[in-house]
Amino acid sequence: MSTRAKMSLADVALQLRDEQLEARVVHYKAHLETSPELDAVTAAVVAELQALQRAAGRAPSRPPPAADRTQIEIELISSLKQMLAHVFRPGELTSLIQRKMAEASKRFARLFFESELAERIRGASGEQRTMRFGVEALYHALARHHDALVRELESFEYASPEELEDARGRLDDTIRELRNAFLSATTPELNALVEHLNALLTRFFSAQLPPEIGELAWEVVKEARLADGQGSGAAERHARVGYKIGADAFPRFRATFERKFLQRLVAYVEEGMLEHVRSKSTEFRAETLSFVSDPQIFTDVCELVCDAIYDYLYNDGFLDLPEGWLQRIRSS
């Protein structure tokens, strides 16, 4: 893919991440407004999530004097670089990254199976997939006409209501068995993809990213304007780590950090996945090329790793998180 295409894919992945935040707002509004106590919690969480969504376009106000601002930036960049260096180490994977990679593999497998069960090719514009297995075609045929078949069953006369339930159950069992048999046939391809994804992520986190930590910290602090005042907590002094990022600056930090992280992740991992699939054309289908470019893959990795980074920075005293955010990332 061209550099422009990779950046576009990274932007789409970030947009999906923001849409997930929006979905959480809807979730909280729909399910937690049940009592005055819960309403108060709901209002606080919704406000935080909405602030994260508005972060990219909001300009900070009342910047400090230039000399003070420069010193704050220097300290923030230095502290962020040092802390990220503890997570992304040359030649090795930290336990935090190992755990998140394991979770990313599970999400990748679930996404793969969801893609396989869809009638249209994921990542393509409504293109019909080619059936490779008879069980695959039969599954899709029965799944597509499930409701019509149930109505047909219900149109018959039965000796007892239990026989109708038995017929419905047998239909559902048949479709489920076909689905499982079809997915089992795709498992070798999935295993090969997961193995290569893990190899790429290992190289990304242990070889590609560590030398860029300083540049990443510089870009995030500069572009998020973390040294500018957005209330008294934007860049507070901390006894152990020097200047720290306040809770009111977290939305800007989050938006910029994830954009820069995704740009690097997509540029390295997506290209590697495409090259691998193309080079093994006898093992992978044309549909797999579309799948490995699905932005949701990178959104999932971003969510898992970046949320863990925020938790780590919070525990080390460098980052203040908005009320409720810490509970959200630790319970997700």
Protein backbone atom coordinates (compact mmCIF):
# COMPACT_ATOMS: atom_id res chain seq x y z
CA MET A 1 0.00 0.00 0.00
CA SER A 2 1.07 3.58 -0.58
CA THR A 3 1.94 5.82 2.37
CA ARG A 4 -1.25 7.79 1.74
CA ALA A 5 -3.32 4.59 1.85
CA LYS A 6 -1.66 3.49 5.09
CA MET A 7 -2.36 6.85 6.72
CA SER A 8 -5.95 6.64 5.52
CA LEU A 9 -6.29 3.17 7.06
CA ALA A 10 -4.85 4.47 10.33
CA ASP A 11 -7.38 7.32 10.30
CA VAL A 12 -10.25 4.86 9.76
CA ALA A 13 -8.97 2.69 12.63
CA LEU A 14 -8.87 5.76 14.89
CA GLN A 15 -12.38 6.72 13.80
CA LEU A 16 -13.58 3.24 14.78
CA ARG A 17 -11.94 3.72 18.16
CA ASP A 18 -13.81 7.02 18.62
CA GLU A 19 -17.05 5.36 17.51
CA GLN A 20 -16.53 2.78 20.25
CA LEU A 21 -16.31 5.63 22.74
CA GLU A 22 -19.57 6.98 21.30
CA ALA A 23 -21.14 3.55 21.64
CA ARG A 24 -20.20 3.54 25.32
CA VAL A 25 -21.97 6.88 25.74
CA VAL A 26 -25.11 5.36 24.25
CA HIS A 27 -24.68 2.30 26.45
CA TYR A 28 -24.39 4.31 29.63
CA LYS A 29 -27.34 6.49 28.70
CA ALA A 30 -29.50 3.51 27.84
CA HIS A 31 -28.80 1.28 30.79
CA LEU A 32 -27.61 3.27 33.79
CA GLU A 33 -30.17 6.06 34.15
CA THR A 34 -32.27 4.18 36.69
CA SER A 35 -31.85 6.04 39.96
CA PRO A 36 -30.51 9.39 41.21
CA GLU A 37 -27.28 7.73 42.37
CA LEU A 38 -26.70 5.91 39.09
CA ASP A 39 -27.75 8.99 37.11
CA ALA A 40 -24.94 10.93 38.76
CA VAL A 41 -22.42 8.24 37.81
CA THR A 42 -23.86 8.11 34.30
CA ALA A 43 -23.60 11.87 33.82
CA ALA A 44 -19.95 11.88 34.92
CA VAL A 45 -18.93 8.98 32.66
CA VAL A 46 -20.83 10.34 29.65
CA ALA A 47 -19.24 13.76 30.11
CA GLU A 48 -15.78 12.19 30.17
CA LEU A 49 -16.36 10.14 27.05
CA GLN A 50 -17.82 13.09 25.18
CA ALA A 51 -14.80 15.17 26.17
CA LEU A 52 -12.56 12.52 24.61
CA GLN A 53 -14.55 12.74 21.38
CA ARG A 54 -14.20 16.53 21.23
CA ALA A 55 -10.50 16.50 22.06
CA ALA A 56 -9.04 16.59 18.56
CA GLY A 57 -10.67 19.90 17.66
CA ARG A 58 -10.41 21.75 20.93
CA ALA A 59 -7.68 24.35 21.36
CA PRO A 60 -6.20 24.90 24.84
CA SER A 61 -6.42 28.33 26.38
CA ARG A 62 -4.12 30.60 28.34
CA PRO A 63 -0.71 29.12 27.46
CA PRO A 64 2.07 29.83 29.97
CA PRO A 65 4.96 32.18 29.12
CA ALA A 66 7.26 30.90 26.37
CA ALA A 67 10.18 30.12 28.70
CA ASP A 68 7.97 28.22 31.14
CA ARG A 69 6.22 26.43 28.30
CA THR A 70 9.51 25.27 26.80
CA GLN A 71 10.68 23.87 30.13
CA ILE A 72 7.36 22.11 30.69
CA GLU A 73 7.56 20.55 27.23
CA ILE A 74 11.14 19.37 27.82
CA GLU A 75 10.20 17.70 31.09
CA LEU A 76 7.01 16.15 29.70
CA ILE A 77 8.84 14.74 26.67
CA SER A 78 11.64 13.36 28.81
CA SER A 79 9.28 11.75 31.33
CA LEU A 80 7.02 10.25 28.67
CA LYS A 81 10.01 8.87 26.77
CA GLN A 82 11.46 7.25 29.89
CA MET A 83 8.16 5.63 30.85
CA LEU A 84 7.37 4.35 27.37
CA ALA A 85 10.89 2.89 27.26
CA HIS A 86 9.94 0.68 30.21
CA VAL A 87 7.06 -0.77 28.18
CA PHE A 88 8.64 -1.00 24.72
CA ARG A 89 12.11 -2.49 25.20
CA PRO A 90 14.59 -3.33 22.44
CA GLY A 91 14.86 -7.05 21.82
CA GLU A 92 12.18 -8.19 24.27
CA LEU A 93 8.49 -8.11 25.04
CA THR A 94 7.40 -6.90 28.45
CA SER A 95 4.78 -8.93 30.29
CA LEU A 96 2.26 -6.13 29.69
CA ILE A 97 2.71 -6.34 25.91
CA GLN A 98 2.67 -10.14 25.97
CA ARG A 99 -0.70 -10.14 27.73
CA LYS A 100 -2.19 -7.62 25.34
CA MET A 101 -0.91 -9.53 22.31
CA ALA A 102 -2.62 -12.67 23.60
CA GLU A 103 -5.89 -10.74 23.90
CA ALA A 104 -5.37 -9.25 20.44
CA SER A 105 -4.99 -12.77 18.99
CA LYS A 106 -8.34 -13.78 20.49
CA ARG A 107 -10.04 -10.72 19.03
CA PHE A 108 -8.38 -11.37 15.67
CA ALA A 109 -9.74 -14.94 15.66
CA ARG A 110 -13.24 -13.73 16.52
CA LEU A 111 -13.08 -11.11 13.77
CA PHE A 112 -11.86 -13.74 11.29
CA PHE A 113 -14.75 -16.08 12.07
CA GLU A 114 -17.25 -13.22 11.84
CA SER A 115 -15.80 -12.36 8.45
CA GLU A 116 -16.03 -15.98 7.30
CA LEU A 117 -19.68 -16.24 8.35
CA ALA A 118 -20.65 -13.11 6.42
CA GLU A 119 -22.04 -13.60 2.93
CA ARG A 120 -20.07 -10.64 1.60
CA ILE A 121 -16.31 -10.20 1.72
CA ARG A 122 -15.31 -8.09 4.71
CA GLY A 123 -13.40 -4.99 3.70
CA ALA A 124 -14.69 -5.07 0.13
CA SER A 125 -17.60 -3.11 -1.29
CA GLY A 126 -20.31 -5.75 -1.21
CA GLU A 127 -18.35 -8.30 -3.24
CA GLN A 128 -19.81 -11.82 -3.16
CA ARG A 129 -17.45 -14.42 -1.74
CA THR A 130 -16.53 -17.63 -3.57
CA MET A 131 -17.69 -20.80 -1.81
CA ARG A 132 -14.79 -23.17 -1.15
CA PHE A 133 -16.65 -25.92 0.67
CA GLY A 134 -20.00 -27.57 0.16
CA VAL A 135 -20.70 -27.23 3.88
CA GLU A 136 -19.99 -23.50 3.56
CA ALA A 137 -22.55 -23.07 0.78
CA LEU A 138 -25.15 -25.13 2.62
CA TYR A 139 -24.63 -23.14 5.82
CA HIS A 140 -25.10 -19.81 4.02
CA ALA A 141 -28.17 -21.10 2.16
CA LEU A 142 -29.90 -22.28 5.33
CA ALA A 143 -28.81 -19.26 7.38
CA ARG A 144 -30.09 -16.88 4.70
CA HIS A 145 -33.49 -18.56 4.62
CA HIS A 146 -33.75 -19.40 8.33
CA ASP A 147 -36.75 -17.16 9.00
CA ALA A 148 -38.58 -18.38 5.91
CA LEU A 149 -37.96 -21.98 6.92
CA VAL A 150 -39.30 -21.30 10.43
CA ARG A 151 -42.43 -19.77 8.93
CA GLU A 152 -42.78 -22.86 6.71
CA LEU A 153 -42.48 -25.12 9.72
CA GLU A 154 -45.06 -23.07 11.58
CA SER A 155 -47.50 -23.44 8.69
CA PHE A 156 -47.81 -27.21 9.27
CA GLU A 157 -50.31 -28.93 11.54
CA TYR A 158 -48.74 -30.68 14.53
CA ALA A 159 -49.97 -33.35 16.91
CA SER A 160 -48.65 -31.24 19.78
CA PRO A 161 -46.82 -27.91 20.30
CA GLU A 162 -43.76 -29.86 21.43
CA GLU A 163 -43.30 -31.29 17.92
CA LEU A 164 -43.12 -27.79 16.45
CA GLU A 165 -40.47 -26.86 19.01
CA ASP A 166 -38.61 -30.04 18.12
CA ALA A 167 -38.65 -29.08 14.43
CA ARG A 168 -37.36 -25.59 15.19
CA GLY A 169 -34.64 -27.00 17.42
CA ARG A 170 -33.52 -29.48 14.77
CA LEU A 171 -33.28 -26.69 12.21
CA ASP A 172 -31.16 -24.57 14.55
CA ASP A 173 -28.99 -27.57 15.44
CA THR A 174 -28.43 -28.34 11.76
CA ILE A 175 -27.37 -24.77 10.99
CA ARG A 176 -25.10 -24.72 14.04
CA GLU A 177 -23.43 -28.00 13.04
CA LEU A 178 -22.88 -26.74 9.50
CA ARG A 179 -21.41 -23.50 10.85
CA ASN A 180 -19.00 -25.35 13.15
CA ALA A 181 -17.94 -27.74 10.39
CA PHE A 182 -17.33 -24.83 8.02
CA LEU A 183 -15.33 -22.84 10.56
CA SER A 184 -13.27 -25.91 11.40
CA ALA A 185 -12.28 -26.10 7.74
CA THR A 186 -10.98 -22.51 7.90
CA THR A 187 -8.94 -23.05 11.08
CA PRO A 188 -5.63 -23.87 9.34
CA GLU A 189 -5.75 -20.55 7.51
CA LEU A 190 -6.63 -18.71 10.73
CA ASN A 191 -3.77 -20.37 12.60
CA ALA A 192 -1.32 -19.33 9.90
CA LEU A 193 -2.59 -15.74 10.00
CA VAL A 194 -2.44 -15.55 13.81
CA GLU A 195 1.09 -16.93 13.83
CA HIS A 196 2.26 -14.32 11.33
CA LEU A 197 0.36 -11.50 13.09
CA ASN A 198 2.04 -12.39 16.37
CA ALA A 199 5.45 -12.45 14.68
CA LEU A 200 4.84 -9.02 13.19
CA LEU A 201 3.57 -7.55 16.46
CA THR A 202 6.56 -9.02 18.27
CA ARG A 203 8.95 -7.31 15.87
CA PHE A 204 6.94 -4.09 15.98
CA PHE A 205 6.95 -3.83 19.78
CA SER A 206 10.51 -5.09 20.33
CA ALA A 207 12.41 -3.79 17.29
CA GLN A 208 10.46 -1.22 15.28
CA LEU A 209 8.89 0.92 18.00
CA PRO A 210 11.61 1.18 20.72
CA PRO A 211 14.00 3.36 18.63
CA GLU A 212 11.09 5.70 17.85
CA ILE A 213 9.99 6.26 21.45
CA GLY A 214 11.75 9.62 21.70
CA GLU A 215 10.19 10.85 18.47
CA LEU A 216 6.79 9.55 19.54
CA ALA A 217 6.98 11.36 22.90
CA TRP A 218 8.08 14.59 21.18
CA GLU A 219 5.22 14.42 18.65
CA VAL A 220 2.58 13.70 21.29
CA VAL A 221 3.63 16.45 23.70
CA LYS A 222 4.06 19.01 20.92
CA GLU A 223 0.97 18.26 18.84
CA ALA A 224 -1.34 17.76 21.82
CA ARG A 225 0.02 21.03 23.27
CA LEU A 226 0.29 19.40 26.67
CA ALA A 227 2.38 22.27 28.03
CA ASP A 228 -0.45 24.76 27.47
CA GLY A 229 -2.82 25.59 30.30
CA GLN A 230 -6.24 23.98 30.13
CA GLY A 231 -7.07 24.72 33.74
CA SER A 232 -4.62 24.29 36.60
CA GLY A 233 -4.25 20.53 36.11
CA ALA A 234 -3.00 20.46 32.52
CA ALA A 235 0.68 20.10 33.38
CA GLU A 236 1.09 19.97 37.14
CA ARG A 237 4.28 19.53 39.11
CA HIS A 238 4.77 16.11 40.65
CA ALA A 239 7.41 15.39 43.25
CA ARG A 240 8.57 12.13 41.67
CA VAL A 241 8.18 12.59 37.91
CA GLY A 242 8.40 16.36 37.42
CA TYR A 243 5.59 17.73 35.31
CA LYS A 244 2.64 15.43 34.80
CA ILE A 245 -0.42 15.37 32.53
CA GLY A 246 -3.58 16.47 34.30
CA ALA A 247 -6.99 14.90 33.82
CA ASP A 248 -8.28 17.86 31.83
CA ALA A 249 -5.45 17.42 29.29
CA PHE A 250 -6.02 13.67 28.96
CA PRO A 251 -8.50 13.95 26.03
CA ARG A 252 -5.90 15.79 23.94
CA PHE A 253 -3.18 13.38 25.00
CA ARG A 254 -5.34 10.35 24.22
CA ALA A 255 -6.37 11.57 20.76
CA THR A 256 -2.81 12.44 19.70
CA PHE A 257 -1.11 9.40 21.25
CA GLU A 258 -3.49 6.96 19.58
CA ARG A 259 -3.21 8.66 16.19
CA LYS A 260 0.59 8.51 16.28
CA PHE A 261 0.53 4.93 17.58
CA LEU A 262 -1.86 3.76 14.85
CA GLN A 263 0.12 5.44 12.09
CA ARG A 264 3.19 3.44 13.09
CA LEU A 265 1.30 0.22 13.76
CA VAL A 266 -0.54 0.22 10.43
CA ALA A 267 2.53 1.19 8.40
CA TYR A 268 4.47 -1.80 9.75
CA VAL A 269 1.96 -4.56 10.50
CA GLU A 270 -0.51 -4.10 7.64
CA GLU A 271 2.25 -4.08 5.04
CA GLY A 272 3.78 -7.19 6.56
CA MET A 273 0.45 -9.03 6.58
CA LEU A 274 -0.24 -8.15 2.94
CA GLU A 275 3.23 -9.23 1.80
CA HIS A 276 2.89 -12.53 3.65
CA VAL A 277 -0.54 -13.32 2.21
CA ARG A 278 0.55 -12.40 -1.32
CA SER A 279 3.71 -14.51 -1.07
CA LYS A 280 1.67 -17.53 0.09
CA SER A 281 -1.00 -17.28 -2.59
CA THR A 282 -1.48 -21.05 -2.59
CA GLU A 283 -2.34 -21.00 1.13
CA PHE A 284 -4.55 -17.90 1.28
CA ARG A 285 -7.56 -16.77 -0.71
CA ALA A 286 -8.11 -13.46 -2.44
CA GLU A 287 -10.68 -12.66 0.25
CA THR A 288 -7.93 -12.83 2.87
CA LEU A 289 -6.22 -9.82 1.29
CA SER A 290 -9.31 -7.78 2.06
CA PHE A 291 -9.58 -9.17 5.56
CA VAL A 292 -6.01 -8.38 6.67
CA SER A 293 -6.61 -4.73 5.70
CA ASP A 294 -9.67 -4.48 7.93
CA PRO A 295 -9.16 -1.40 10.16
CA GLN A 296 -10.91 -3.17 13.05
CA ILE A 297 -7.81 -5.35 13.48
CA PHE A 298 -5.70 -2.29 14.25
CA THR A 299 -8.43 -0.64 16.32
CA ASP A 300 -8.47 -3.67 18.61
CA VAL A 301 -4.68 -3.62 19.08
CA CYS A 302 -4.82 0.13 19.71
CA GLU A 303 -7.51 -0.18 22.36
CA LEU A 304 -5.79 -3.02 24.21
CA VAL A 305 -2.29 -1.55 24.21
CA CYS A 306 -3.13 2.13 24.66
CA ASP A 307 -5.56 1.55 27.52
CA ALA A 308 -2.85 -0.48 29.24
CA ILE A 309 -0.38 2.37 28.66
CA TYR A 310 -2.77 4.86 30.28
CA ASP A 311 -3.16 2.57 33.27
CA TYR A 312 0.62 2.25 33.56
CA LEU A 313 1.23 6.01 33.29
CA TYR A 314 -1.45 6.60 35.91
CA ASN A 315 0.10 4.14 38.34
CA ASP A 316 3.51 5.79 37.87
CA GLY A 317 2.08 9.20 38.70
CA PHE A 318 2.69 10.76 35.27
CA LEU A 319 -0.95 10.86 34.15
CA ASP A 320 -4.17 11.79 35.90
CA LEU A 321 -7.22 10.04 34.49
CA PRO A 322 -10.74 11.50 34.54
CA GLU A 323 -12.99 10.07 37.23
CA GLY A 324 -14.47 6.80 36.02
CA TRP A 325 -11.99 6.30 33.16
CA LEU A 326 -9.64 4.12 35.21
CA GLN A 327 -12.48 1.83 36.21
CA ARG A 328 -13.58 1.59 32.59
CA ILE A 329 -10.21 0.49 31.22
CA ARG A 330 -9.59 -1.92 34.09
CA SER A 331 -12.97 -3.57 33.68
CA SER A 332 -12.87 -3.80 29.86
